[in-house]
PDB file of N, CA and C in Angstrom:
ATOM      1  N   UNK A   1       0.849  -1.169   0.000  1.00  0.00           N
ATOM      2  CA  UNK A   1       0.000   0.000   0.000  1.00  0.00           C
ATOM      3  C   UNK A   1       0.889   1.224   0.000  1.00  0.00           C
ATOM      4  N   UNK A   2       0.757   2.080  -0.973  1.00  0.00           N
ATOM      5  CA  UNK A   2       1.634   3.236  -1.067  1.00  0.00           C
ATOM      6  C   UNK A   2       0.828   4.514  -1.204  1.00  0.00           C
ATOM      7  N   UNK A   3       0.153   4.891  -0.153  1.00  0.00           N
ATOM      8  CA  UNK A   3      -0.626   6.120  -0.127  1.00  0.00           C
ATOM      9  C   UNK A   3       0.194   7.165   0.604  1.00  0.00           C
ATOM     10  N   UNK A   4       0.569   8.217  -0.084  1.00  0.00           N
ATOM     11  CA  UNK A   4       1.404   9.250   0.507  1.00  0.00           C
ATOM     12  C   UNK A   4       0.600  10.323   1.223  1.00  0.00           C
ATOM     13  N   UNK A   5      -0.705  10.149   1.325  1.00  0.00           N
ATOM     14  CA  UNK A   5      -1.544  11.116   2.015  1.00  0.00           C
ATOM     15  C   UNK A   5      -1.287  11.058   3.514  1.00  0.00           C
ATOM     16  N   UNK A   6      -1.017  12.195   4.120  1.00  0.00           N
ATOM     17  CA  UNK A   6      -0.770  12.241   5.559  1.00  0.00           C
ATOM     18  C   UNK A   6      -2.103  12.409   6.277  1.00  0.00           C
ATOM     19  N   UNK A   7      -2.537  11.361   6.961  1.00  0.00           N
ATOM     20  CA  UNK A   7      -3.810  11.420   7.684  1.00  0.00           C
ATOM     21  C   UNK A   7      -3.584  11.384   9.192  1.00  0.00           C
ATOM     22  N   UNK A   8      -2.375  11.643   9.624  1.00  0.00           N
ATOM     23  CA  UNK A   8      -2.036  11.658  11.051  1.00  0.00           C
ATOM     24  C   UNK A   8      -2.855  12.740  11.748  1.00  0.00           C
ATOM     25  N   UNK A   9      -3.563  12.376  12.826  1.00  0.00           N
ATOM     26  CA  UNK A   9      -4.373  13.361  13.553  1.00  0.00           C
ATOM     27  C   UNK A   9      -4.132  13.252  15.044  1.00  0.00           C
ATOM     28  N   UNK A  10      -2.901  13.101  15.445  1.00  0.00           N
ATOM     29  CA  UNK A  10      -2.587  12.969  16.866  1.00  0.00           C
ATOM     30  C   UNK A  10      -1.758  14.161  17.334  1.00  0.00           C
ATOM     31  N   UNK A  11      -2.313  15.375  17.242  1.00  0.00           N
ATOM     32  CA  UNK A  11      -1.558  16.524  17.702  1.00  0.00           C
ATOM     33  C   UNK A  11      -1.351  16.466  19.203  1.00  0.00           C
ATOM     34  N   UNK A  12      -0.280  17.089  19.653  1.00  0.00           N
ATOM     35  CA  UNK A  12       0.033  17.081  21.084  1.00  0.00           C
ATOM     36  C   UNK A  12      -1.161  17.555  21.893  1.00  0.00           C
ATOM     37  N   UNK A  13      -1.519  16.799  22.895  1.00  0.00           N
ATOM     38  CA  UNK A  13      -2.598  17.180  23.788  1.00  0.00           C
ATOM     39  C   UNK A  13      -3.993  16.772  23.354  1.00  0.00           C
ATOM     40  N   UNK A  14      -4.147  16.251  22.143  1.00  0.00           N
ATOM     41  CA  UNK A  14      -5.481  15.836  21.702  1.00  0.00           C
ATOM     42  C   UNK A  14      -5.784  14.456  22.278  1.00  0.00           C
ATOM     43  N   UNK A  15      -6.903  14.311  23.006  1.00  0.00           N
ATOM     44  CA  UNK A  15      -7.212  13.011  23.603  1.00  0.00           C
ATOM     45  C   UNK A  15      -7.577  11.981  22.539  1.00  0.00           C
ATOM     46  N   UNK A  16      -7.340  10.712  22.823  1.00  0.00           N
ATOM     47  CA  UNK A  16      -7.686   9.664  21.859  1.00  0.00           C
ATOM     48  C   UNK A  16      -9.195   9.530  21.710  1.00  0.00           C
ATOM     49  N   UNK A  17      -9.614   9.051  20.547  1.00  0.00           N
ATOM     50  CA  UNK A  17     -11.042   8.825  20.315  1.00  0.00           C
ATOM     51  C   UNK A  17     -11.470   7.451  20.805  1.00  0.00           C
ATOM     52  N   UNK A  18     -10.505   6.509  20.899  1.00  0.00           N
ATOM     53  CA  UNK A  18     -10.791   5.137  21.324  1.00  0.00           C
ATOM     54  C   UNK A  18      -9.676   4.645  22.245  1.00  0.00           C
ATOM     55  N   UNK A  19     -10.012   3.677  23.086  1.00  0.00           N
ATOM     56  CA  UNK A  19      -9.045   3.024  23.969  1.00  0.00           C
ATOM     57  C   UNK A  19      -8.892   1.585  23.502  1.00  0.00           C
ATOM     58  N   UNK A  20      -7.640   1.097  23.468  1.00  0.00           N
ATOM     59  CA  UNK A  20      -7.366  -0.283  23.048  1.00  0.00           C
ATOM     60  C   UNK A  20      -7.226  -1.170  24.282  1.00  0.00           C
ATOM     61  N   UNK A  21      -7.901  -2.310  24.258  1.00  0.00           N
ATOM     62  CA  UNK A  21      -7.846  -3.275  25.351  1.00  0.00           C
ATOM     63  C   UNK A  21      -7.439  -4.645  24.817  1.00  0.00           C
ATOM     64  N   UNK A  22      -6.664  -5.373  25.606  1.00  0.00           N
ATOM     65  CA  UNK A  22      -6.381  -6.779  25.323  1.00  0.00           C
ATOM     66  C   UNK A  22      -7.417  -7.568  26.113  1.00  0.00           C
ATOM     67  N   UNK A  23      -8.123  -8.455  25.440  1.00  0.00           N
ATOM     68  CA  UNK A  23      -9.172  -9.236  26.091  1.00  0.00           C
ATOM     69  C   UNK A  23      -8.775 -10.705  26.065  1.00  0.00           C
ATOM     70  N   UNK A  24      -8.617 -11.289  27.247  1.00  0.00           N
ATOM     71  CA  UNK A  24      -8.312 -12.718  27.377  1.00  0.00           C
ATOM     72  C   UNK A  24      -9.557 -13.426  27.875  1.00  0.00           C
ATOM     73  N   UNK A  25      -9.960 -14.423  27.138  1.00  0.00           N
ATOM     74  CA  UNK A  25     -11.130 -15.209  27.540  1.00  0.00           C
ATOM     75  C   UNK A  25     -10.732 -16.152  28.671  1.00  0.00           C
ATOM     76  N   UNK A  26     -11.678 -16.387  29.595  1.00  0.00           N
ATOM     77  CA  UNK A  26     -11.447 -17.305  30.713  1.00  0.00           C
ATOM     78  C   UNK A  26     -12.573 -18.327  30.726  1.00  0.00           C
ATOM     79  N   UNK A  27     -12.228 -19.566  30.999  1.00  0.00           N
ATOM     80  CA  UNK A  27     -13.217 -20.646  31.001  1.00  0.00           C
ATOM     81  C   UNK A  27     -14.378 -20.343  31.942  1.00  0.00           C
ATOM     82  N   UNK A  28     -15.574 -20.262  31.385  1.00  0.00           N
ATOM     83  CA  UNK A  28     -16.783 -20.086  32.184  1.00  0.00           C
ATOM     84  C   UNK A  28     -16.931 -18.726  32.835  1.00  0.00           C
ATOM     85  N   UNK A  29     -16.078 -17.763  32.498  1.00  0.00           N
ATOM     86  CA  UNK A  29     -16.144 -16.434  33.105  1.00  0.00           C
ATOM     87  C   UNK A  29     -16.092 -15.380  32.009  1.00  0.00           C
ATOM     88  N   UNK A  30     -16.360 -14.131  32.405  1.00  0.00           N
ATOM     89  CA  UNK A  30     -16.235 -13.023  31.465  1.00  0.00           C
ATOM     90  C   UNK A  30     -14.764 -12.837  31.111  1.00  0.00           C
ATOM     91  N   UNK A  31     -14.504 -12.231  29.968  1.00  0.00           N
ATOM     92  CA  UNK A  31     -13.137 -11.949  29.554  1.00  0.00           C
ATOM     93  C   UNK A  31     -12.461 -10.973  30.502  1.00  0.00           C
ATOM     94  N   UNK A  32     -11.125 -11.054  30.583  1.00  0.00           N
ATOM     95  CA  UNK A  32     -10.336 -10.163  31.426  1.00  0.00           C
ATOM     96  C   UNK A  32      -9.770  -9.067  30.530  1.00  0.00           C
ATOM     97  N   UNK A  33     -10.163  -7.803  30.762  1.00  0.00           N
ATOM     98  CA  UNK A  33      -9.796  -6.671  29.913  1.00  0.00           C
ATOM     99  C   UNK A  33      -8.644  -5.886  30.539  1.00  0.00           C
ATOM    100  N   UNK A  34      -7.604  -5.653  29.745  1.00  0.00           N
ATOM    101  CA  UNK A  34      -6.448  -4.867  30.189  1.00  0.00           C
ATOM    102  C   UNK A  34      -6.221  -3.747  29.182  1.00  0.00           C
ATOM    103  N   UNK A  35      -6.159  -2.508  29.650  1.00  0.00           N
ATOM    104  CA  UNK A  35      -5.892  -1.386  28.753  1.00  0.00           C
ATOM    105  C   UNK A  35      -4.461  -1.493  28.239  1.00  0.00           C
ATOM    106  N   UNK A  36      -4.293  -1.419  26.915  1.00  0.00           N
ATOM    107  CA  UNK A  36      -2.953  -1.554  26.344  1.00  0.00           C
ATOM    108  C   UNK A  36      -2.584  -0.404  25.421  1.00  0.00           C
ATOM    109  N   UNK A  37      -3.481   0.551  25.216  1.00  0.00           N
ATOM    110  CA  UNK A  37      -3.144   1.653  24.327  1.00  0.00           C
ATOM    111  C   UNK A  37      -4.339   2.519  23.990  1.00  0.00           C
ATOM    112  N   UNK A  38      -4.166   3.301  22.915  1.00  0.00           N
ATOM    113  CA  UNK A  38      -5.204   4.237  22.504  1.00  0.00           C
ATOM    114  C   UNK A  38      -5.182   4.379  20.989  1.00  0.00           C
ATOM    115  N   UNK A  39      -6.268   4.967  20.457  1.00  0.00           N
ATOM    116  CA  UNK A  39      -6.372   5.172  19.009  1.00  0.00           C
ATOM    117  C   UNK A  39      -6.946   6.550  18.728  1.00  0.00           C
ATOM    118  N   UNK A  40      -6.474   7.134  17.634  1.00  0.00           N
ATOM    119  CA  UNK A  40      -6.935   8.431  17.172  1.00  0.00           C
ATOM    120  C   UNK A  40      -7.483   8.263  15.767  1.00  0.00           C
ATOM    121  N   UNK A  41      -8.686   8.786  15.517  1.00  0.00           N
ATOM    122  CA  UNK A  41      -9.303   8.679  14.192  1.00  0.00           C
ATOM    123  C   UNK A  41      -8.560   9.561  13.196  1.00  0.00           C
ATOM    124  N   UNK A  42      -8.426   9.082  11.965  1.00  0.00           N
ATOM    125  CA  UNK A  42      -7.852   9.886  10.891  1.00  0.00           C
ATOM    126  C   UNK A  42      -8.807  11.033  10.564  1.00  0.00           C
ATOM    127  N   UNK A  43      -8.261  12.108  10.060  1.00  0.00           N
ATOM    128  CA  UNK A  43      -9.063  13.288   9.723  1.00  0.00           C
ATOM    129  C   UNK A  43     -10.126  12.972   8.678  1.00  0.00           C
ATOM    130  N   UNK A  44      -9.831  12.024   7.774  1.00  0.00           N
ATOM    131  CA  UNK A  44     -10.803  11.691   6.730  1.00  0.00           C
ATOM    132  C   UNK A  44     -11.850  10.680   7.212  1.00  0.00           C
ATOM    133  N   UNK A  45     -11.733  10.212   8.462  1.00  0.00           N
ATOM    134  CA  UNK A  45     -12.709   9.287   9.030  1.00  0.00           C
ATOM    135  C   UNK A  45     -12.617   7.869   8.504  1.00  0.00           C
ATOM    136  N   UNK A  46     -11.533   7.520   7.795  1.00  0.00           N
ATOM    137  CA  UNK A  46     -11.435   6.205   7.174  1.00  0.00           C
ATOM    138  C   UNK A  46     -10.426   5.281   7.842  1.00  0.00           C
ATOM    139  N   UNK A  47      -9.952   5.633   9.007  1.00  0.00           N
ATOM    140  CA  UNK A  47      -8.994   4.762   9.676  1.00  0.00           C
ATOM    141  C   UNK A  47      -8.577   5.320  11.025  1.00  0.00           C
ATOM    142  N   UNK A  48      -7.592   4.643  11.642  1.00  0.00           N
ATOM    143  CA  UNK A  48      -7.111   5.017  12.962  1.00  0.00           C
ATOM    144  C   UNK A  48      -5.598   4.882  13.037  1.00  0.00           C
ATOM    145  N   UNK A  49      -4.989   5.677  13.885  1.00  0.00           N
ATOM    146  CA  UNK A  49      -3.613   5.462  14.304  1.00  0.00           C
ATOM    147  C   UNK A  49      -3.706   4.850  15.695  1.00  0.00           C
ATOM    148  N   UNK A  50      -3.038   3.714  15.892  1.00  0.00           N
ATOM    149  CA  UNK A  50      -3.102   3.008  17.170  1.00  0.00           C
ATOM    150  C   UNK A  50      -1.720   3.026  17.807  1.00  0.00           C
ATOM    151  N   UNK A  51      -1.669   3.419  19.074  1.00  0.00           N
ATOM    152  CA  UNK A  51      -0.422   3.428  19.833  1.00  0.00           C
ATOM    153  C   UNK A  51      -0.566   2.443  20.989  1.00  0.00           C
ATOM    154  N   UNK A  52       0.250   1.390  20.980  1.00  0.00           N
ATOM    155  CA  UNK A  52       0.218   0.401  22.056  1.00  0.00           C
ATOM    156  C   UNK A  52       1.245   0.770  23.101  1.00  0.00           C
ATOM    157  N   UNK A  53       0.948   0.503  24.366  1.00  0.00           N
ATOM    158  CA  UNK A  53       1.783   0.887  25.496  1.00  0.00           C
ATOM    159  C   UNK A  53       2.543  -0.313  26.039  1.00  0.00           C
ATOM    160  N   UNK A  54       3.711  -0.583  25.518  1.00  0.00           N
ATOM    161  CA  UNK A  54       4.608  -1.617  26.045  1.00  0.00           C
ATOM    162  C   UNK A  54       3.993  -3.012  26.091  1.00  0.00           C
ATOM    163  N   UNK A  55       3.046  -3.302  25.230  1.00  0.00           N
ATOM    164  CA  UNK A  55       2.451  -4.632  25.231  1.00  0.00           C
ATOM    165  C   UNK A  55       1.882  -4.952  23.859  1.00  0.00           C
ATOM    166  N   UNK A  56       2.210  -6.113  23.370  1.00  0.00           N
ATOM    167  CA  UNK A  56       1.594  -6.627  22.161  1.00  0.00           C
ATOM    168  C   UNK A  56       1.082  -8.016  22.509  1.00  0.00           C
ATOM    169  N   UNK A  57      -0.229  -8.207  22.569  1.00  0.00           N
ATOM    170  CA  UNK A  57      -0.784  -9.494  22.967  1.00  0.00           C
ATOM    171  C   UNK A  57      -0.435 -10.607  21.982  1.00  0.00           C
ATOM    172  N   UNK A  58      -0.118 -11.759  22.516  1.00  0.00           N
ATOM    173  CA  UNK A  58       0.166 -12.927  21.688  1.00  0.00           C
ATOM    174  C   UNK A  58      -1.022 -13.869  21.621  1.00  0.00           C
ATOM    175  N   UNK A  59      -2.008 -13.629  22.460  1.00  0.00           N
ATOM    176  CA  UNK A  59      -3.226 -14.431  22.444  1.00  0.00           C
ATOM    177  C   UNK A  59      -4.398 -13.512  22.747  1.00  0.00           C
ATOM    178  N   UNK A  60      -5.580 -14.060  22.730  1.00  0.00           N
ATOM    179  CA  UNK A  60      -6.758 -13.232  22.984  1.00  0.00           C
ATOM    180  C   UNK A  60      -7.053 -12.344  21.792  1.00  0.00           C
ATOM    181  N   UNK A  61      -7.588 -11.166  22.067  1.00  0.00           N
ATOM    182  CA  UNK A  61      -7.959 -10.244  20.993  1.00  0.00           C
ATOM    183  C   UNK A  61      -7.736  -8.813  21.449  1.00  0.00           C
ATOM    184  N   UNK A  62      -7.712  -7.887  20.503  1.00  0.00           N
ATOM    185  CA  UNK A  62      -7.641  -6.461  20.814  1.00  0.00           C
ATOM    186  C   UNK A  62      -9.000  -5.869  20.487  1.00  0.00           C
ATOM    187  N   UNK A  63      -9.553  -5.118  21.420  1.00  0.00           N
ATOM    188  CA  UNK A  63     -10.847  -4.475  21.237  1.00  0.00           C
ATOM    189  C   UNK A  63     -10.661  -2.965  21.358  1.00  0.00           C
ATOM    190  N   UNK A  64     -11.195  -2.201  20.396  1.00  0.00           N
ATOM    191  CA  UNK A  64     -11.192  -0.743  20.473  1.00  0.00           C
ATOM    192  C   UNK A  64     -12.553  -0.281  20.935  1.00  0.00           C
ATOM    193  N   UNK A  65     -12.562   0.558  21.971  1.00  0.00           N
ATOM    194  CA  UNK A  65     -13.814   1.089  22.508  1.00  0.00           C
ATOM    195  C   UNK A  65     -13.751   2.605  22.481  1.00  0.00           C
ATOM    196  N   UNK A  66     -14.900   3.246  22.297  1.00  0.00           N
ATOM    197  CA  UNK A  66     -14.961   4.704  22.300  1.00  0.00           C
ATOM    198  C   UNK A  66     -14.468   5.215  23.649  1.00  0.00           C
ATOM    199  N   UNK A  67     -13.562   6.195  23.606  1.00  0.00           N
ATOM    200  CA  UNK A  67     -13.027   6.774  24.837  1.00  0.00           C
ATOM    201  C   UNK A  67     -14.123   7.592  25.526  1.00  0.00           C
ATOM    202  N   UNK A  68     -14.250   7.412  26.821  1.00  0.00           N
ATOM    203  CA  UNK A  68     -15.213   8.182  27.609  1.00  0.00           C
ATOM    204  C   UNK A  68     -14.488   8.818  28.778  1.00  0.00           C
ATOM    205  N   UNK A  69     -15.119   9.799  29.376  1.00  0.00           N
ATOM    206  CA  UNK A  69     -14.520  10.446  30.537  1.00  0.00           C
ATOM    207  C   UNK A  69     -14.478   9.456  31.691  1.00  0.00           C
ATOM    208  N   UNK A  70     -13.377   9.525  32.457  1.00  0.00           N
ATOM    209  CA  UNK A  70     -13.246   8.618  33.608  1.00  0.00           C
ATOM    210  C   UNK A  70     -14.186   9.050  34.713  1.00  0.00           C
ATOM    211  N   UNK A  71     -14.780   8.057  35.380  1.00  0.00           N
ATOM    212  CA  UNK A  71     -15.627   8.327  36.534  1.00  0.00           C
ATOM    213  C   UNK A  71     -14.738   8.517  37.737  1.00  0.00           C
ATOM    214  N   UNK A  72     -15.042   9.514  38.544  1.00  0.00           N
ATOM    215  CA  UNK A  72     -14.223   9.763  39.734  1.00  0.00           C
ATOM    216  C   UNK A  72     -14.960   9.465  40.996  1.00  0.00           C
TER     217      UNK A  72
END
C-alpha cells in the first residue's frame, strides 16, 4: 500500500477517540480486559492510528472502545 496522504491526527494534547484493550477469555467467566493503548481517528474518518503501550498481545484479541470520561 503506497498512499502518501498524511492522515495523522494525533496533535500534542489531543485526547484519543478510542481506547485499546487486550481481552483474554477465561473458562466459564467473562473476559479479562487490560488497557494496552489508545487510538486516534484519521481526519478523513477512514482509519485510525493506534499506539500500544509496552504490550503486544500474543493471544486473545484487541478491542477498540470509544473513549469516555473517567468516573471519579
